[in-house]
Structure formats: C-alpha cells, structure tokens
C-alpha cells in the first residue's frame, strides 16, 4: 500500500495599537530592538509558512475477523519532510520629525524608524519504520460500517535551522545614540528651506544577528488516530467521513542566539539555544468512493 500526503499552510498576523507599546518583540533579537531600544513596537506583521510531505509504503494483512469486526495490522517504511518558516516585522509608528515650516527644499534625512525584521527557518527530513492497526465494525449489514485506526512511526532524521534578526539604531559621529534622542530635535529650517543643525549629521544604521546550524540529528515520532464511518449509498458507491489527528513530534528546531557580545555596531553570538518543535494536524475528512 502506497500513501502520499501533502499539506501546505500559510498563516498571517497583523496587529496595530499606536502609542500603547503593548506588543513585545516576539522574534527579533533584543539588541537595539524597538525605537527606544526597549524591545517594544507599535505594530507587528508576521507570516508563518509550513509544508509537510509524508510518504508511506506499507504491507497489510488481516489480524482477526468475525461476523462483527475485522482487524488488520500494517507496517512498513515511512519518510517525512517538514519545513517551517516564520517572518516578522515590527514597526514604530511614531514619526521622528514634525511638519517643517517653512517647507524643506532638500531631502528629509533618512531618520524615520525603519522596521525591525526577523526570520526563523527549520527544515526536517527523516525516515524510519511505521506500524499500526485498522478496524472495521459492521453496524447494519454492509450498509453502515464504523472504522478506525491508530499508528506509530519511529523516524531518524536531521534538521537544518537558521535565525536572522535585523534591527536599527541612530548614530552620530561614530557614537551610538540612546533614547530619547534629543539630537533629533536639534535642527532649524533656514530662510532658504534648508535643514541645519545636529539632526542633519545623525544616521540610521543596521545591526544584524544571525545563527545557522546544519544536520542536527533528531529522533522523531509520528502518532496518529482516526475514527469514522462508511455508508454504502449505492451498490457501487460508498460515502465516508470521520475525524483524524496526526502528531509529528520533534520535527523542527527553533534556533536562537542566547548570549551576544556587542562591540560598536557588530554583535557576535557566543552561544545559542535549541528548542524542539512538534506539529499537529487534526480535522474532519469526508469523500465518496466507487467500486469497479
């Protein structure tokens, strides 16, 4: 018996609450995070993409049978690929500069807060053995049948994972500025419409922190249970429906920098943390089958 299962999911989240600063930095690294370097933001946009590929090659035989119940065991080979990617952007919606009077004739300095961005990727591939049992219980002749199954797979595989965070900070003459950034308020607009003062010398710089690990060994398990019914609507057609859940344990790793040393605008990661992740797929199913 050959079974191929594929699942793709794309989830999005967007939250806005200007001025309240209630959203913590969920994914971005803490170094220079947030307009005030406090790890807070006015808004967040996040996307999460997951991809599952599950291949099974199994052999099945009748384990027991009577007039009411038929049981079959199955076993074989299983290969699973699970990919996960999370991207998040955090925004400071408070403008850096008020309206200029008289209007500027030159370009506005690039000091409007740029969004902080973070990315987390995990790719798992594993293979192993699987097995389980299937049951069919006839409720009314062969017209209405209750069916169910449970299974277990033991997999050995590897995970490639990576993390990247991009934050921003203000700098003046090579020195990092600290909140509340009084230097940004030190400006005037002359009669010709030119911006003059300390603010014209302030720049917005980028701080990036990344970490990557390849071929992390992981022993994973798959647990699955289903329960449903099958109705013989016509002599050559069945209608089936039910509920199914699949749990993939240990098929992902979240990698985060744990300790960093910042020198100037360069951050070096001294070590990282690994957190195992699992995935669960559950829901109802239904369909129509034909006999030939």
C-alpha atoms as a PDB file:
ATOM      1  CA  UNK A   1       0.000   0.000   0.000  1.00  0.00           C
ATOM      2  CA  UNK A   2       1.443   3.357  -1.081  1.00  0.00           C
ATOM      3  CA  UNK A   3       0.228   6.568   0.620  1.00  0.00           C
ATOM      4  CA  UNK A   4       1.333  10.127  -0.156  1.00  0.00           C
ATOM      5  CA  UNK A   5       0.160  13.040   1.994  1.00  0.00           C
ATOM      6  CA  UNK A   6       0.972  16.707   1.344  1.00  0.00           C
ATOM      7  CA  UNK A   7      -0.043  19.737   3.389  1.00  0.00           C
ATOM      8  CA  UNK A   8       0.797  23.429   2.886  1.00  0.00           C
ATOM      9  CA  UNK A   9      -0.285  26.217   5.210  1.00  0.00           C
ATOM     10  CA  UNK A  10       0.212  29.980   5.191  1.00  0.00           C
ATOM     11  CA  UNK A  11      -0.846  31.940   8.294  1.00  0.00           C
ATOM     12  CA  UNK A  12      -0.689  35.728   8.665  1.00  0.00           C
ATOM     13  CA  UNK A  13      -0.956  38.028  11.656  1.00  0.00           C
ATOM     14  CA  UNK A  14      -1.182  41.816  11.761  1.00  0.00           C
ATOM     15  CA  UNK A  15      -1.709  43.931  14.894  1.00  0.00           C
ATOM     16  CA  UNK A  16      -1.794  47.721  15.303  1.00  0.00           C
ATOM     17  CA  UNK A  17      -2.019  49.766  18.502  1.00  0.00           C
ATOM     18  CA  UNK A  18      -0.043  53.017  18.056  1.00  0.00           C
ATOM     19  CA  UNK A  19       1.358  54.619  21.177  1.00  0.00           C
ATOM     20  CA  UNK A  20       0.432  51.858  23.608  1.00  0.00           C
ATOM     21  CA  UNK A  21       3.576  49.759  23.114  1.00  0.00           C
ATOM     22  CA  UNK A  22       1.912  46.548  24.189  1.00  0.00           C
ATOM     23  CA  UNK A  23       3.477  44.206  21.639  1.00  0.00           C
ATOM     24  CA  UNK A  24       6.685  42.558  22.785  1.00  0.00           C
ATOM     25  CA  UNK A  25       9.395  41.584  20.339  1.00  0.00           C
ATOM     26  CA  UNK A  26       8.332  38.010  19.673  1.00  0.00           C
ATOM     27  CA  UNK A  27      11.098  37.085  17.261  1.00  0.00           C
ATOM     28  CA  UNK A  28      13.512  39.982  16.829  1.00  0.00           C
ATOM     29  CA  UNK A  29      16.711  39.916  18.876  1.00  0.00           C
ATOM     30  CA  UNK A  30      16.799  42.254  21.874  1.00  0.00           C
ATOM     31  CA  UNK A  31      19.893  44.210  20.776  1.00  0.00           C
ATOM     32  CA  UNK A  32      18.681  47.664  19.586  1.00  0.00           C
ATOM     33  CA  UNK A  33      15.126  46.285  19.366  1.00  0.00           C
ATOM     34  CA  UNK A  34      12.377  48.906  19.241  1.00  0.00           C
ATOM     35  CA  UNK A  35      12.547  52.647  18.669  1.00  0.00           C
ATOM     36  CA  UNK A  36      13.576  53.188  22.295  1.00  0.00           C
ATOM     37  CA  UNK A  37      15.730  50.027  22.458  1.00  0.00           C
ATOM     38  CA  UNK A  38      13.133  48.549  24.805  1.00  0.00           C
ATOM     39  CA  UNK A  39      12.050  45.575  22.679  1.00  0.00           C
ATOM     40  CA  UNK A  40       8.587  47.051  22.121  1.00  0.00           C
ATOM     41  CA  UNK A  41       6.734  48.130  18.998  1.00  0.00           C
ATOM     42  CA  UNK A  42       3.523  49.845  17.900  1.00  0.00           C
ATOM     43  CA  UNK A  43       2.637  47.237  15.293  1.00  0.00           C
ATOM     44  CA  UNK A  44       3.613  43.813  14.023  1.00  0.00           C
ATOM     45  CA  UNK A  45       3.170  41.889  10.774  1.00  0.00           C
ATOM     46  CA  UNK A  46       4.037  38.195  10.809  1.00  0.00           C
ATOM     47  CA  UNK A  47       3.734  35.259   8.430  1.00  0.00           C
ATOM     48  CA  UNK A  48       4.233  31.570   9.089  1.00  0.00           C
ATOM     49  CA  UNK A  49       4.549  29.011   6.309  1.00  0.00           C
ATOM     50  CA  UNK A  50       4.597  25.254   6.880  1.00  0.00           C
ATOM     51  CA  UNK A  51       4.996  22.409   4.421  1.00  0.00           C
ATOM     52  CA  UNK A  52       4.556  18.693   5.145  1.00  0.00           C
ATOM     53  CA  UNK A  53       5.320  15.756   2.861  1.00  0.00           C
ATOM     54  CA  UNK A  54       4.576  12.254   4.199  1.00  0.00           C
ATOM     55  CA  UNK A  55       5.328   9.105   2.173  1.00  0.00           C
ATOM     56  CA  UNK A  56       4.300   5.631   3.384  1.00  0.00           C
ATOM     57  CA  UNK A  57       4.985   2.228   1.811  1.00  0.00           C
ATOM     58  CA  UNK A  58       3.258  -0.422   3.945  1.00  0.00           C
ATOM     59  CA  UNK A  59       2.090  -4.021   3.928  1.00  0.00           C
ATOM     60  CA  UNK A  60      -1.234  -5.031   5.499  1.00  0.00           C
ATOM     61  CA  UNK A  61      -2.835  -8.341   6.489  1.00  0.00           C
ATOM     62  CA  UNK A  62      -5.938  -9.448   8.391  1.00  0.00           C
ATOM     63  CA  UNK A  63      -5.155  -9.968  12.078  1.00  0.00           C
ATOM     64  CA  UNK A  64      -8.575 -11.269  13.143  1.00  0.00           C
ATOM     65  CA  UNK A  65     -12.075 -11.448  11.729  1.00  0.00           C
ATOM     66  CA  UNK A  66     -15.575 -12.381  12.861  1.00  0.00           C
ATOM     67  CA  UNK A  67     -19.125 -11.545  11.880  1.00  0.00           C
ATOM     68  CA  UNK A  68     -18.981  -8.101  13.507  1.00  0.00           C
ATOM     69  CA  UNK A  69     -15.376  -6.849  13.489  1.00  0.00           C
ATOM     70  CA  UNK A  70     -12.404  -7.102  11.150  1.00  0.00           C
ATOM     71  CA  UNK A  71      -8.929  -6.068  12.308  1.00  0.00           C
ATOM     72  CA  UNK A  72      -5.871  -5.563  10.126  1.00  0.00           C
ATOM     73  CA  UNK A  73      -2.291  -4.823  11.060  1.00  0.00           C
ATOM     74  CA  UNK A  74       0.013  -2.822   8.844  1.00  0.00           C
ATOM     75  CA  UNK A  75       3.698  -1.978   8.837  1.00  0.00           C
ATOM     76  CA  UNK A  76       6.373  -0.626   6.553  1.00  0.00           C
ATOM     77  CA  UNK A  77       8.577   2.307   5.616  1.00  0.00           C
ATOM     78  CA  UNK A  78       7.842   5.993   6.190  1.00  0.00           C
ATOM     79  CA  UNK A  79       9.584   9.180   5.080  1.00  0.00           C
ATOM     80  CA  UNK A  80       8.651  12.649   6.370  1.00  0.00           C
ATOM     81  CA  UNK A  81       9.738  16.131   5.304  1.00  0.00           C
ATOM     82  CA  UNK A  82       8.603  19.120   7.365  1.00  0.00           C
ATOM     83  CA  UNK A  83       9.560  22.705   6.577  1.00  0.00           C
ATOM     84  CA  UNK A  84       8.707  25.743   8.651  1.00  0.00           C
ATOM     85  CA  UNK A  85       9.449  29.433   8.128  1.00  0.00           C
ATOM     86  CA  UNK A  86       8.424  32.410  10.272  1.00  0.00           C
ATOM     87  CA  UNK A  87       8.956  36.050   9.265  1.00  0.00           C
ATOM     88  CA  UNK A  88       8.063  39.046  11.421  1.00  0.00           C
ATOM     89  CA  UNK A  89       8.360  42.821  11.027  1.00  0.00           C
ATOM     90  CA  UNK A  90       7.933  45.242  13.920  1.00  0.00           C
ATOM     91  CA  UNK A  91       7.119  48.916  13.402  1.00  0.00           C
ATOM     92  CA  UNK A  92       7.424  52.161  15.334  1.00  0.00           C
ATOM     93  CA  UNK A  93       4.527  54.259  14.073  1.00  0.00           C
ATOM     94  CA  UNK A  94       5.561  57.409  15.946  1.00  0.00           C
ATOM     95  CA  UNK A  95       7.023  59.917  13.415  1.00  0.00           C
ATOM     96  CA  UNK A  96      10.538  61.131  14.131  1.00  0.00           C
ATOM     97  CA  UNK A  97      10.017  64.628  12.731  1.00  0.00           C
ATOM     98  CA  UNK A  98       7.052  67.041  12.915  1.00  0.00           C
ATOM     99  CA  UNK A  99       5.912  69.123   9.938  1.00  0.00           C
ATOM    100  CA  UNK A 100       8.550  71.575   8.749  1.00  0.00           C
ATOM    101  CA  UNK A 101       7.728  75.283   8.489  1.00  0.00           C
ATOM    102  CA  UNK A 102       8.881  76.697   6.139  1.00  0.00           C
ATOM    103  CA  UNK A 103       8.884  73.598   3.915  1.00  0.00           C
ATOM    104  CA  UNK A 104      12.185  71.895   3.163  1.00  0.00           C
ATOM    105  CA  UNK A 105      13.710  72.248  -0.279  1.00  0.00           C
ATOM    106  CA  UNK A 106      16.179  69.418   0.411  1.00  0.00           C
ATOM    107  CA  UNK A 107      15.511  65.744   1.047  1.00  0.00           C
ATOM    108  CA  UNK A 108      14.419  64.729   4.533  1.00  0.00           C
ATOM    109  CA  UNK A 109      17.137  62.807   6.419  1.00  0.00           C
ATOM    110  CA  UNK A 110      16.508  59.033   6.489  1.00  0.00           C
ATOM    111  CA  UNK A 111      15.650  59.022  10.180  1.00  0.00           C
ATOM    112  CA  UNK A 112      12.080  57.762  10.118  1.00  0.00           C
ATOM    113  CA  UNK A 113      12.277  54.489  12.123  1.00  0.00           C
ATOM    114  CA  UNK A 114      12.838  51.505   9.847  1.00  0.00           C
ATOM    115  CA  UNK A 115      11.023  48.279  10.762  1.00  0.00           C
ATOM    116  CA  UNK A 116      12.829  45.581  12.720  1.00  0.00           C
ATOM    117  CA  UNK A 117      12.776  42.253  10.897  1.00  0.00           C
ATOM    118  CA  UNK A 118      13.371  38.660  11.959  1.00  0.00           C
ATOM    119  CA  UNK A 119      13.357  35.281  10.234  1.00  0.00           C
ATOM    120  CA  UNK A 120      13.351  31.733  11.605  1.00  0.00           C
ATOM    121  CA  UNK A 121      13.722  28.672   9.341  1.00  0.00           C
ATOM    122  CA  UNK A 122      13.638  24.952  10.149  1.00  0.00           C
ATOM    123  CA  UNK A 123      13.852  22.103   7.608  1.00  0.00           C
ATOM    124  CA  UNK A 124      13.474  18.481   8.757  1.00  0.00           C
ATOM    125  CA  UNK A 125      13.935  15.246   6.822  1.00  0.00           C
ATOM    126  CA  UNK A 126      13.618  11.817   8.411  1.00  0.00           C
ATOM    127  CA  UNK A 127      12.827   8.193   7.619  1.00  0.00           C
ATOM    128  CA  UNK A 128      12.048   5.058   9.591  1.00  0.00           C
ATOM    129  CA  UNK A 129       9.542   2.292  10.295  1.00  0.00           C
ATOM    130  CA  UNK A 130       5.800   2.570  10.878  1.00  0.00           C
ATOM    131  CA  UNK A 131       3.033   0.271  12.051  1.00  0.00           C
ATOM    132  CA  UNK A 132      -0.464   0.137  13.476  1.00  0.00           C
ATOM    133  CA  UNK A 133      -3.929  -1.381  13.372  1.00  0.00           C
ATOM    134  CA  UNK A 134      -7.133  -0.753  11.425  1.00  0.00           C
ATOM    135  CA  UNK A 135     -10.627  -1.831  12.493  1.00  0.00           C
ATOM    136  CA  UNK A 136     -13.978  -2.151  10.773  1.00  0.00           C
ATOM    137  CA  UNK A 137     -17.179  -2.855  12.715  1.00  0.00           C
ATOM    138  CA  UNK A 138     -20.367  -3.593  10.803  1.00  0.00           C
ATOM    139  CA  UNK A 139     -23.337  -1.870  12.429  1.00  0.00           C
ATOM    140  CA  UNK A 140     -26.025  -2.732   9.884  1.00  0.00           C
ATOM    141  CA  UNK A 141     -25.077  -5.465   7.429  1.00  0.00           C
ATOM    142  CA  UNK A 142     -22.607  -3.964   4.983  1.00  0.00           C
ATOM    143  CA  UNK A 143     -24.615  -0.738   4.644  1.00  0.00           C
ATOM    144  CA  UNK A 144     -23.167   1.110   7.640  1.00  0.00           C
ATOM    145  CA  UNK A 145     -19.664   0.477   8.985  1.00  0.00           C
ATOM    146  CA  UNK A 146     -17.699   2.133  11.785  1.00  0.00           C
ATOM    147  CA  UNK A 147     -13.965   2.273  11.036  1.00  0.00           C
ATOM    148  CA  UNK A 148     -10.938   3.437  12.963  1.00  0.00           C
ATOM    149  CA  UNK A 149      -7.174   3.165  13.122  1.00  0.00           C
ATOM    150  CA  UNK A 150      -4.126   4.018  15.183  1.00  0.00           C
ATOM    151  CA  UNK A 151      -0.485   4.080  14.198  1.00  0.00           C
ATOM    152  CA  UNK A 152       3.045   4.872  15.302  1.00  0.00           C
ATOM    153  CA  UNK A 153       6.188   5.694  13.329  1.00  0.00           C
ATOM    154  CA  UNK A 154       9.759   5.923  14.629  1.00  0.00           C
ATOM    155  CA  UNK A 155      11.943   8.174  12.495  1.00  0.00           C
ATOM    156  CA  UNK A 156      15.576   9.162  12.440  1.00  0.00           C
ATOM    157  CA  UNK A 157      16.484  12.351  10.644  1.00  0.00           C
ATOM    158  CA  UNK A 158      18.255  15.692  10.588  1.00  0.00           C
ATOM    159  CA  UNK A 159      17.239  19.344  10.898  1.00  0.00           C
ATOM    160  CA  UNK A 160      18.758  22.372   9.175  1.00  0.00           C
ATOM    161  CA  UNK A 161      17.800  25.542  11.014  1.00  0.00           C
ATOM    162  CA  UNK A 162      18.679  29.217  10.936  1.00  0.00           C
ATOM    163  CA  UNK A 163      17.840  32.542  12.569  1.00  0.00           C
ATOM    164  CA  UNK A 164      18.363  36.118  11.415  1.00  0.00           C
ATOM    165  CA  UNK A 165      17.424  39.427  13.027  1.00  0.00           C
ATOM    166  CA  UNK A 166      17.841  42.940  11.599  1.00  0.00           C
ATOM    167  CA  UNK A 167      17.463  45.911  13.953  1.00  0.00           C
ATOM    168  CA  UNK A 168      18.323  49.602  13.624  1.00  0.00           C
ATOM    169  CA  UNK A 169      19.863  52.338  15.739  1.00  0.00           C
ATOM    170  CA  UNK A 170      20.842  56.003  15.461  1.00  0.00           C
ATOM    171  CA  UNK A 171      24.477  57.044  15.244  1.00  0.00           C
ATOM    172  CA  UNK A 172      26.237  60.409  15.417  1.00  0.00           C
ATOM    173  CA  UNK A 173      29.932  60.788  14.569  1.00  0.00           C
ATOM    174  CA  UNK A 174      30.520  57.074  15.184  1.00  0.00           C
ATOM    175  CA  UNK A 175      28.745  57.020  18.571  1.00  0.00           C
ATOM    176  CA  UNK A 176      25.505  55.101  19.183  1.00  0.00           C
ATOM    177  CA  UNK A 177      22.701  57.385  20.392  1.00  0.00           C
ATOM    178  CA  UNK A 178      20.428  56.493  23.285  1.00  0.00           C
ATOM    179  CA  UNK A 179      16.753  57.372  23.841  1.00  0.00           C
ATOM    180  CA  UNK A 180      15.095  59.855  23.970  1.00  0.00           C
ATOM    181  CA  UNK A 181      17.281  61.037  21.049  1.00  0.00           C
ATOM    182  CA  UNK A 182      17.444  64.717  21.899  1.00  0.00           C
ATOM    183  CA  UNK A 183      19.872  65.091  18.991  1.00  0.00           C
ATOM    184  CA  UNK A 184      16.983  64.606  16.557  1.00  0.00           C
ATOM    185  CA  UNK A 185      15.284  67.716  17.930  1.00  0.00           C
ATOM    186  CA  UNK A 186      18.361  69.881  17.373  1.00  0.00           C
ATOM    187  CA  UNK A 187      17.539  71.371  13.980  1.00  0.00           C
ATOM    188  CA  UNK A 188      16.225  74.517  12.333  1.00  0.00           C
ATOM    189  CA  UNK A 189      14.998  75.386   8.865  1.00  0.00           C
ATOM    190  CA  UNK A 190      16.650  78.493   7.480  1.00  0.00           C
ATOM    191  CA  UNK A 191      15.004  81.068   5.237  1.00  0.00           C
ATOM    192  CA  UNK A 192      16.104  79.166   2.142  1.00  0.00           C
ATOM    193  CA  UNK A 193      14.341  75.981   3.293  1.00  0.00           C
ATOM    194  CA  UNK A 194      17.483  74.068   4.237  1.00  0.00           C
ATOM    195  CA  UNK A 195      17.605  71.844   7.344  1.00  0.00           C
ATOM    196  CA  UNK A 196      20.559  72.713   9.566  1.00  0.00           C
ATOM    197  CA  UNK A 197      21.680  71.501  12.995  1.00  0.00           C
ATOM    198  CA  UNK A 198      22.813  68.303  14.706  1.00  0.00           C
ATOM    199  CA  UNK A 199      19.952  66.223  13.254  1.00  0.00           C
ATOM    200  CA  UNK A 200      21.431  66.529   9.772  1.00  0.00           C
ATOM    201  CA  UNK A 201      24.501  64.551  10.921  1.00  0.00           C
ATOM    202  CA  UNK A 202      22.557  61.701  12.538  1.00  0.00           C
ATOM    203  CA  UNK A 203      22.380  58.453  10.557  1.00  0.00           C
ATOM    204  CA  UNK A 204      20.269  55.333  10.978  1.00  0.00           C
ATOM    205  CA  UNK A 205      22.419  52.199  10.961  1.00  0.00           C
ATOM    206  CA  UNK A 206      21.670  48.478  10.777  1.00  0.00           C
ATOM    207  CA  UNK A 207      22.533  45.769  13.302  1.00  0.00           C
ATOM    208  CA  UNK A 208      22.263  42.164  12.105  1.00  0.00           C
ATOM    209  CA  UNK A 209      22.489  38.995  14.174  1.00  0.00           C
ATOM    210  CA  UNK A 210      22.346  35.551  12.616  1.00  0.00           C
ATOM    211  CA  UNK A 211      22.878  31.938  13.559  1.00  0.00           C
ATOM    212  CA  UNK A 212      22.741  28.761  11.490  1.00  0.00           C
ATOM    213  CA  UNK A 213      23.111  25.052  12.218  1.00  0.00           C
ATOM    214  CA  UNK A 214      23.049  22.147   9.760  1.00  0.00           C
ATOM    215  CA  UNK A 215      22.417  18.403  10.077  1.00  0.00           C
ATOM    216  CA  UNK A 216      21.226  18.404  13.692  1.00  0.00           C
ATOM    217  CA  UNK A 217      20.360  14.757  14.464  1.00  0.00           C
ATOM    218  CA  UNK A 218      16.820  14.187  15.711  1.00  0.00           C
ATOM    219  CA  UNK A 219      14.823  11.067  16.612  1.00  0.00           C
ATOM    220  CA  UNK A 220      11.171  11.796  15.874  1.00  0.00           C
ATOM    221  CA  UNK A 221       7.847  10.043  16.272  1.00  0.00           C
ATOM    222  CA  UNK A 222       4.519  10.180  14.499  1.00  0.00           C
ATOM    223  CA  UNK A 223       1.295   9.349  16.371  1.00  0.00           C
ATOM    224  CA  UNK A 224      -1.987   9.074  14.505  1.00  0.00           C
ATOM    225  CA  UNK A 225      -5.590   8.177  15.341  1.00  0.00           C
ATOM    226  CA  UNK A 226      -8.728   8.234  13.209  1.00  0.00           C
ATOM    227  CA  UNK A 227     -12.388   7.365  13.696  1.00  0.00           C
ATOM    228  CA  UNK A 228     -15.075   7.472  11.043  1.00  0.00           C
ATOM    229  CA  UNK A 229     -17.980   5.802   9.296  1.00  0.00           C
ATOM    230  CA  UNK A 230     -18.687   4.390   5.860  1.00  0.00           C
ATOM    231  CA  UNK A 231     -22.157   4.201   4.297  1.00  0.00           C
ATOM    232  CA  UNK A 232     -22.973   2.074   1.239  1.00  0.00           C
ATOM    233  CA  UNK A 233     -25.184   4.586  -0.553  1.00  0.00           C
ATOM    234  CA  UNK A 234     -25.338   2.562  -3.769  1.00  0.00           C
ATOM    235  CA  UNK A 235     -24.158  -0.865  -4.791  1.00  0.00           C
ATOM    236  CA  UNK A 236     -21.078   0.651  -6.403  1.00  0.00           C
ATOM    237  CA  UNK A 237     -20.603   3.779  -4.222  1.00  0.00           C
ATOM    238  CA  UNK A 238     -19.597   4.475  -0.596  1.00  0.00           C
ATOM    239  CA  UNK A 239     -19.847   7.718   1.345  1.00  0.00           C
ATOM    240  CA  UNK A 240     -17.264   8.060   4.122  1.00  0.00           C
ATOM    241  CA  UNK A 241     -16.488  10.680   6.771  1.00  0.00           C
ATOM    242  CA  UNK A 242     -14.725  10.985  10.115  1.00  0.00           C
ATOM    243  CA  UNK A 243     -12.113  12.694  12.262  1.00  0.00           C
ATOM    244  CA  UNK A 244      -8.348  12.263  12.034  1.00  0.00           C
ATOM    245  CA  UNK A 245      -5.359  13.584  14.000  1.00  0.00           C
ATOM    246  CA  UNK A 246      -1.642  13.273  13.247  1.00  0.00           C
ATOM    247  CA  UNK A 247       1.060  14.406  15.678  1.00  0.00           C
ATOM    248  CA  UNK A 248       4.640  14.778  14.427  1.00  0.00           C
ATOM    249  CA  UNK A 249       6.921  15.028  17.475  1.00  0.00           C
ATOM    250  CA  UNK A 250      10.385  16.557  17.204  1.00  0.00           C
ATOM    251  CA  UNK A 251      10.263  17.552  13.533  1.00  0.00           C
ATOM    252  CA  UNK A 252      11.577  21.083  13.996  1.00  0.00           C
ATOM    253  CA  UNK A 253      14.135  23.122  15.913  1.00  0.00           C
ATOM    254  CA  UNK A 254      13.948  26.805  16.865  1.00  0.00           C
ATOM    255  CA  UNK A 255      17.481  28.198  16.981  1.00  0.00           C
ATOM    256  CA  UNK A 256      18.039  31.488  18.816  1.00  0.00           C
ATOM    257  CA  UNK A 257      21.181  33.401  19.844  1.00  0.00           C
ATOM    258  CA  UNK A 258      21.381  33.266  23.627  1.00  0.00           C
ATOM    259  CA  UNK A 259      24.395  35.377  24.554  1.00  0.00           C
ATOM    260  CA  UNK A 260      25.882  38.097  22.371  1.00  0.00           C
ATOM    261  CA  UNK A 261      28.760  40.492  22.761  1.00  0.00           C
ATOM    262  CA  UNK A 262      28.267  43.863  21.051  1.00  0.00           C
ATOM    263  CA  UNK A 263      31.281  45.942  20.083  1.00  0.00           C
ATOM    264  CA  UNK A 264      30.280  49.126  18.278  1.00  0.00           C
ATOM    265  CA  UNK A 265      27.737  48.075  15.669  1.00  0.00           C
ATOM    266  CA  UNK A 266      28.960  44.461  15.494  1.00  0.00           C
ATOM    267  CA  UNK A 267      27.248  41.755  17.560  1.00  0.00           C
ATOM    268  CA  UNK A 268      28.957  38.386  17.980  1.00  0.00           C
ATOM    269  CA  UNK A 269      26.973  35.372  19.170  1.00  0.00           C
ATOM    270  CA  UNK A 270      28.793  33.361  21.825  1.00  0.00           C
ATOM    271  CA  UNK A 271      26.241  30.534  22.047  1.00  0.00           C
ATOM    272  CA  UNK A 272      22.671  29.654  21.106  1.00  0.00           C
ATOM    273  CA  UNK A 273      19.630  27.754  22.326  1.00  0.00           C
ATOM    274  CA  UNK A 274      17.797  24.929  20.564  1.00  0.00           C
ATOM    275  CA  UNK A 275      14.111  24.247  21.266  1.00  0.00           C
ATOM    276  CA  UNK A 276      12.457  21.182  19.740  1.00  0.00           C
ATOM    277  CA  UNK A 277       9.155  21.803  17.969  1.00  0.00           C
ATOM    278  CA  UNK A 278       6.313  19.483  17.009  1.00  0.00           C
ATOM    279  CA  UNK A 279       3.428  19.742  14.571  1.00  0.00           C
ATOM    280  CA  UNK A 280      -0.144  18.506  14.916  1.00  0.00           C
ATOM    281  CA  UNK A 281      -2.647  18.196  12.076  1.00  0.00           C
ATOM    282  CA  UNK A 282      -6.249  17.440  13.006  1.00  0.00           C
ATOM    283  CA  UNK A 283      -9.628  17.807  11.390  1.00  0.00           C
ATOM    284  CA  UNK A 284     -12.592  16.205   9.699  1.00  0.00           C
ATOM    285  CA  UNK A 285     -12.473  14.333   6.422  1.00  0.00           C
ATOM    286  CA  UNK A 286     -15.063  13.052   4.001  1.00  0.00           C
ATOM    287  CA  UNK A 287     -15.493  11.794   0.479  1.00  0.00           C
ATOM    288  CA  UNK A 288     -17.047   9.364  -1.961  1.00  0.00           C
ATOM    289  CA  UNK A 289     -15.604   6.022  -3.066  1.00  0.00           C
ATOM    290  CA  UNK A 290     -16.566   3.896  -6.064  1.00  0.00           C
ATOM    291  CA  UNK A 291     -16.348   0.128  -6.622  1.00  0.00           C
ATOM    292  CA  UNK A 292     -15.485  -1.300 -10.019  1.00  0.00           C
END
